[in-house]
């Protein structure tokens, strides 16, 4: 068995090196496919980070009428916290709101003077309500629109935030569908190219294959070298794709840091390089084996 496997690997390497130009073209196409695949993986990480960052900043703000006492506000806060869809409720008093407003506009002397000339605090007490799931904000808004709370509430900021979440989810969903489609298309191209490369190798070795079949060579022994050839295509293409991707990510990383400060693209790439390599090798080897299996299988049937 060991002798058979060693021969299969030997013949597979010979097939790979014998058709150097075809092998190079196949590796280039598969590497491009794996670049698209790897880019899609990184894109998913970026979209998850962006969505998570925006979701952390989005909440529903409930502003209370100036006549509403603090006891009523705290009572409503306790009521809201009891709902299962709520993850956190922060109470911001009128004084805290004024302090935050002053700090935010400390460099604007006109606003600071206008606040000082007022005899009373014009800001309202509020509750910042965060849902456990962004899809549940509509449910939370429904809780806030009931007769026990409405008499105390000046306004609720929900519609604007809901629009931001919906638009973001639609954009990300469309981009993901595009990534899936592009990866699928490139995979078909890679399978087709590898299939034809293997078929040409089989055609050039058809006499040797026929001799092996005549002397009783098993389908496993005949098929094995071409499967090894497909594995070599996948492994080399995965390494090449990462070598080509690395400088691009290094160059693009400073620009993505501006868009997504929470994610260092280059840092993520370096720290996850072994995992990305495993994913790309598995995907590339899978494409290579599938293409080889179909090609030699079609020949053996013929």
Protein backbone atom coordinates (compact mmCIF):
# COMPACT_ATOMS: atom_id res chain seq x y z
CA UNK A 1 0.00 0.00 0.00
CA UNK A 2 2.84 2.37 0.89
CA UNK A 3 4.57 1.55 -2.41
CA UNK A 4 1.36 2.26 -4.33
CA UNK A 5 0.85 5.60 -2.60
CA UNK A 6 4.45 6.65 -3.23
CA UNK A 7 4.07 5.80 -6.92
CA UNK A 8 0.82 7.73 -7.13
CA UNK A 9 2.50 10.79 -5.59
CA UNK A 10 5.48 10.40 -7.92
CA UNK A 11 3.31 10.23 -11.03
CA UNK A 12 1.20 13.13 -9.78
CA UNK A 13 4.31 15.34 -9.42
CA UNK A 14 5.45 14.28 -12.88
CA UNK A 15 2.12 15.26 -14.39
CA UNK A 16 2.31 18.61 -12.60
CA UNK A 17 5.81 19.47 -13.86
CA UNK A 18 5.40 17.97 -17.34
CA UNK A 19 2.77 20.53 -18.38
CA UNK A 20 4.49 23.59 -16.93
CA UNK A 21 2.63 26.26 -18.90
CA UNK A 22 -0.77 24.70 -18.34
CA UNK A 23 0.01 24.23 -14.67
CA UNK A 24 1.05 27.89 -14.39
CA UNK A 25 -2.15 29.07 -16.07
CA UNK A 26 -4.24 26.85 -13.80
CA UNK A 27 -2.46 28.14 -10.70
CA UNK A 28 -3.01 31.76 -11.79
CA UNK A 29 -6.76 31.22 -12.28
CA UNK A 30 -7.12 29.32 -9.00
CA UNK A 31 -5.06 31.97 -7.18
CA UNK A 32 -7.39 34.69 -8.48
CA UNK A 33 -10.36 32.64 -7.29
CA UNK A 34 -8.79 32.25 -3.85
CA UNK A 35 -8.02 35.98 -3.72
CA UNK A 36 -11.73 36.63 -4.25
CA UNK A 37 -12.54 34.00 -1.61
CA UNK A 38 -10.08 35.47 0.90
CA UNK A 39 -11.28 38.99 0.18
CA UNK A 40 -14.82 37.87 0.83
CA UNK A 41 -13.78 36.43 4.22
CA UNK A 42 -12.08 39.70 5.18
CA UNK A 43 -15.04 41.69 3.87
CA UNK A 44 -17.35 39.72 6.17
CA UNK A 45 -15.12 40.57 9.14
CA UNK A 46 -15.19 44.26 8.22
CA UNK A 47 -18.97 44.33 7.78
CA UNK A 48 -19.51 42.59 11.12
CA UNK A 49 -17.22 45.13 12.80
CA UNK A 50 -18.95 48.07 11.14
CA UNK A 51 -22.42 46.81 12.03
CA UNK A 52 -21.36 46.07 15.61
CA UNK A 53 -19.82 49.54 15.95
CA UNK A 54 -22.92 51.28 14.63
CA UNK A 55 -25.25 49.13 16.71
CA UNK A 56 -23.30 50.12 19.84
CA UNK A 57 -23.92 53.77 19.02
CA UNK A 58 -27.61 53.42 18.20
CA UNK A 59 -30.30 53.51 20.83
CA UNK A 60 -33.74 54.95 21.45
CA UNK A 61 -33.76 58.21 23.39
CA UNK A 62 -36.88 58.98 25.42
CA UNK A 63 -37.10 62.70 26.30
CA UNK A 64 -39.41 63.65 29.16
CA UNK A 65 -41.48 66.78 29.56
CA UNK A 66 -39.97 69.46 31.77
CA UNK A 67 -42.88 69.00 34.19
CA UNK A 68 -42.09 65.29 34.72
CA UNK A 69 -40.60 64.61 38.15
CA UNK A 70 -37.54 62.46 38.68
CA UNK A 71 -39.57 59.84 40.57
CA UNK A 72 -41.76 59.33 37.50
CA UNK A 73 -38.72 59.05 35.26
CA UNK A 74 -37.13 56.42 37.51
CA UNK A 75 -40.41 54.53 37.69
CA UNK A 76 -40.63 54.43 33.90
CA UNK A 77 -36.99 53.37 33.74
CA UNK A 78 -37.72 50.39 35.99
CA UNK A 79 -40.73 49.50 33.86
CA UNK A 80 -38.70 49.61 30.63
CA UNK A 81 -35.89 47.55 32.12
CA UNK A 82 -38.34 44.76 32.90
CA UNK A 83 -38.98 44.06 29.22
CA UNK A 84 -37.01 41.05 27.90
CA UNK A 85 -35.91 42.85 24.71
CA UNK A 86 -34.07 45.55 26.67
CA UNK A 87 -30.33 45.16 27.36
CA UNK A 88 -29.63 48.49 29.09
CA UNK A 89 -31.35 51.72 30.11
CA UNK A 90 -29.31 54.79 31.06
CA UNK A 91 -30.89 57.73 32.86
CA UNK A 92 -29.54 61.19 32.01
CA UNK A 93 -30.84 63.94 34.26
CA UNK A 94 -31.31 67.54 33.14
CA UNK A 95 -28.14 68.60 34.95
CA UNK A 96 -26.10 65.79 33.38
CA UNK A 97 -27.48 66.68 29.94
CA UNK A 98 -26.47 70.31 30.44
CA UNK A 99 -22.97 69.32 31.57
CA UNK A 100 -22.53 67.13 28.48
CA UNK A 101 -23.86 69.92 26.26
CA UNK A 102 -21.46 72.46 27.75
CA UNK A 103 -18.49 70.12 27.33
CA UNK A 104 -19.43 69.37 23.73
CA UNK A 105 -19.62 73.10 22.86
CA UNK A 106 -16.91 74.40 25.14
CA UNK A 107 -15.03 75.94 22.20
CA UNK A 108 -18.10 77.86 20.99
CA UNK A 109 -18.27 81.04 23.07
CA UNK A 110 -21.60 82.13 21.54
CA UNK A 111 -23.41 79.00 22.71
CA UNK A 112 -21.74 79.17 26.11
CA UNK A 113 -22.91 82.79 26.60
CA UNK A 114 -26.43 81.93 25.46
CA UNK A 115 -26.65 79.13 28.03
CA UNK A 116 -25.35 81.42 30.78
CA UNK A 117 -27.98 84.06 29.98
CA UNK A 118 -30.84 81.60 30.41
CA UNK A 119 -32.46 81.56 33.82
CA UNK A 120 -33.18 77.83 33.67
CA UNK A 121 -31.88 74.61 32.20
CA UNK A 122 -33.55 74.24 28.74
CA UNK A 123 -32.57 70.59 28.31
CA UNK A 124 -34.78 67.64 29.14
CA UNK A 125 -34.14 64.53 31.19
CA UNK A 126 -33.95 61.41 29.07
CA UNK A 127 -33.53 57.66 29.00
CA UNK A 128 -31.20 56.00 26.50
CA UNK A 129 -32.65 52.57 25.74
CA UNK A 130 -30.61 49.81 24.06
CA UNK A 131 -32.22 46.66 22.68
CA UNK A 132 -30.57 43.23 22.85
CA UNK A 133 -31.09 42.81 19.11
CA UNK A 134 -31.25 45.70 16.61
CA UNK A 135 -34.23 44.00 14.95
CA UNK A 136 -36.19 44.45 18.18
CA UNK A 137 -36.15 48.27 18.29
CA UNK A 138 -39.56 48.37 16.66
CA UNK A 139 -40.88 46.21 19.52
CA UNK A 140 -39.24 48.50 22.07
CA UNK A 141 -40.77 51.54 20.36
CA UNK A 142 -44.14 49.86 20.69
CA UNK A 143 -43.59 49.45 24.45
CA UNK A 144 -42.86 53.17 24.72
CA UNK A 145 -46.06 54.06 22.89
CA UNK A 146 -48.51 53.15 25.63
CA UNK A 147 -50.87 55.20 27.75
CA UNK A 148 -48.93 54.75 31.00
CA UNK A 149 -45.82 56.42 29.56
CA UNK A 150 -47.05 58.83 26.86
CA UNK A 151 -48.33 61.56 29.25
CA UNK A 152 -44.79 62.06 30.59
CA UNK A 153 -42.91 61.88 27.30
CA UNK A 154 -42.02 64.86 25.12
CA UNK A 155 -40.65 62.84 22.20
CA UNK A 156 -39.02 59.51 21.29
CA UNK A 157 -36.15 59.33 18.78
CA UNK A 158 -36.79 56.07 16.97
CA UNK A 159 -37.69 56.63 13.31
CA UNK A 160 -34.32 58.18 12.35
CA UNK A 161 -32.30 55.43 14.01
CA UNK A 162 -34.50 52.72 12.54
CA UNK A 163 -33.84 54.09 9.06
CA UNK A 164 -30.08 53.99 9.62
CA UNK A 165 -30.20 50.36 10.77
CA UNK A 166 -32.44 49.27 7.88
CA UNK A 167 -30.30 51.00 5.24
CA UNK A 168 -27.11 49.57 6.71
CA UNK A 169 -28.50 46.03 6.75
CA UNK A 170 -29.69 46.35 3.15
CA UNK A 171 -26.29 47.62 1.96
CA UNK A 172 -24.41 44.85 3.75
CA UNK A 173 -26.86 42.21 2.54
CA UNK A 174 -26.48 43.35 -1.08
CA UNK A 175 -22.68 43.39 -0.78
CA UNK A 176 -22.65 39.87 0.68
CA UNK A 177 -24.83 38.54 -2.14
CA UNK A 178 -22.45 40.12 -4.64
CA UNK A 179 -19.49 38.49 -2.86
CA UNK A 180 -21.17 35.08 -2.95
CA UNK A 181 -21.96 35.46 -6.66
CA UNK A 182 -18.42 36.54 -7.57
CA UNK A 183 -16.84 33.71 -5.55
CA UNK A 184 -19.20 31.19 -7.17
CA UNK A 185 -18.42 32.49 -10.66
CA UNK A 186 -14.66 32.44 -10.11
CA UNK A 187 -14.91 28.93 -8.64
CA UNK A 188 -16.67 27.71 -11.79
CA UNK A 189 -13.95 29.29 -13.95
CA UNK A 190 -11.22 27.67 -11.83
CA UNK A 191 -12.92 24.26 -12.00
CA UNK A 192 -13.29 24.57 -15.77
CA UNK A 193 -9.62 25.54 -16.28
CA UNK A 194 -8.36 22.81 -13.95
CA UNK A 195 -10.68 20.29 -15.58
CA UNK A 196 -9.29 21.07 -19.02
CA UNK A 197 -5.71 20.99 -17.74
CA UNK A 198 -6.24 17.54 -16.24
CA UNK A 199 -7.98 16.36 -19.41
CA UNK A 200 -5.00 17.45 -21.50
CA UNK A 201 -2.67 15.63 -19.12
CA UNK A 202 -4.84 12.51 -19.43
CA UNK A 203 -4.85 12.80 -23.22
CA UNK A 204 -1.05 13.08 -23.37
CA UNK A 205 -0.75 10.03 -21.09
CA UNK A 206 -3.59 8.05 -22.67
CA UNK A 207 -1.29 5.25 -23.87
CA UNK A 208 0.19 4.77 -20.41
CA UNK A 209 -3.29 4.78 -18.87
CA UNK A 210 -4.52 2.20 -21.38
CA UNK A 211 -1.53 -0.03 -20.59
CA UNK A 212 -2.27 0.26 -16.86
CA UNK A 213 -5.87 -0.71 -17.49
CA UNK A 214 -4.80 -3.69 -19.63
CA UNK A 215 -2.45 -5.02 -16.94
CA UNK A 216 -5.17 -4.73 -14.31
CA UNK A 217 -4.45 -1.32 -12.79
CA UNK A 218 -7.23 -0.25 -10.45
CA UNK A 219 -9.24 2.91 -10.92
CA UNK A 220 -7.74 4.18 -7.66
CA UNK A 221 -4.20 3.82 -9.04
CA UNK A 222 -5.14 5.48 -12.34
CA UNK A 223 -7.10 8.29 -10.71
CA UNK A 224 -4.63 8.92 -7.87
CA UNK A 225 -1.90 10.89 -9.72
CA UNK A 226 -4.43 13.33 -11.13
CA UNK A 227 -5.97 13.87 -7.71
CA UNK A 228 -2.47 14.58 -6.38
CA UNK A 229 -2.03 17.02 -9.24
CA UNK A 230 -5.26 18.77 -8.19
CA UNK A 231 -4.05 18.92 -4.58
CA UNK A 232 -0.78 20.53 -5.71
CA UNK A 233 -2.74 23.13 -7.70
CA UNK A 234 -4.81 23.96 -4.62
CA UNK A 235 -1.88 24.24 -2.17
CA UNK A 236 0.34 26.33 -4.45
CA UNK A 237 -2.58 28.57 -5.46
CA UNK A 238 -3.43 29.21 -1.80
CA UNK A 239 0.14 30.26 -1.01
CA UNK A 240 0.35 32.44 -4.13
CA UNK A 241 -2.98 34.12 -3.36
CA UNK A 242 -1.86 35.08 0.15
CA UNK A 243 1.49 36.35 -1.16
CA UNK A 244 -0.38 38.58 -3.60
CA UNK A 245 -2.99 39.65 -1.04
CA UNK A 246 -0.55 40.64 1.73
CA UNK A 247 0.95 43.78 0.10
CA UNK A 248 -2.50 44.95 -1.01
CA UNK A 249 -3.88 44.67 2.53
CA UNK A 250 -0.78 46.40 3.94
CA UNK A 251 -1.30 49.31 1.54
CA UNK A 252 -5.08 49.54 2.04
CA UNK A 253 -5.04 49.09 5.84
CA UNK A 254 -4.45 52.80 6.76
CA UNK A 255 -7.47 53.81 4.66
CA UNK A 256 -9.74 51.15 6.14
CA UNK A 257 -8.67 52.25 9.63
CA UNK A 258 -10.27 55.62 8.90
CA UNK A 259 -13.51 53.90 7.88
CA UNK A 260 -13.43 51.29 10.65
CA UNK A 261 -11.27 52.53 13.57
CA UNK A 262 -12.21 49.49 15.62
CA UNK A 263 -10.47 47.15 13.16
CA UNK A 264 -6.81 47.11 12.12
CA UNK A 265 -7.02 45.28 8.79
CA UNK A 266 -3.29 44.53 8.63
CA UNK A 267 -3.25 43.44 12.27
CA UNK A 268 -6.20 41.14 11.65
CA UNK A 269 -4.53 39.68 8.55
CA UNK A 270 -1.26 38.97 10.35
CA UNK A 271 -2.89 37.51 13.47
CA UNK A 272 -5.24 35.30 11.44
CA UNK A 273 -2.75 34.37 8.70
CA UNK A 274 -2.50 30.67 9.70
CA UNK A 275 -6.30 30.36 9.78
CA UNK A 276 -6.70 32.16 6.45
CA UNK A 277 -4.04 29.90 4.93
CA UNK A 278 -5.91 26.80 6.16
CA UNK A 279 -9.22 28.10 4.76
CA UNK A 280 -7.68 28.91 1.38
CA UNK A 281 -5.81 25.59 1.18
CA UNK A 282 -8.99 23.68 1.98
CA UNK A 283 -10.96 25.67 -0.59
CA UNK A 284 -8.21 25.42 -3.22
CA UNK A 285 -7.58 21.71 -2.65
CA UNK A 286 -11.32 21.13 -2.79
CA UNK A 287 -11.52 22.87 -6.17
CA UNK A 288 -8.50 20.94 -7.46
CA UNK A 289 -9.71 17.54 -6.30
CA UNK A 290 -13.23 18.15 -7.60
CA UNK A 291 -11.93 19.20 -11.02
CA UNK A 292 -9.53 16.24 -11.21
CA UNK A 293 -12.16 13.77 -10.01
CA UNK A 294 -14.64 14.92 -12.66
CA UNK A 295 -12.02 14.88 -15.42
CA UNK A 296 -10.57 11.41 -14.74
CA UNK A 297 -13.99 10.04 -13.88
CA UNK A 298 -15.32 11.10 -17.27
CA UNK A 299 -12.32 9.42 -18.94
CA UNK A 300 -12.70 6.17 -17.01
CA UNK A 301 -16.37 6.03 -17.98
CA UNK A 302 -15.48 6.59 -21.60
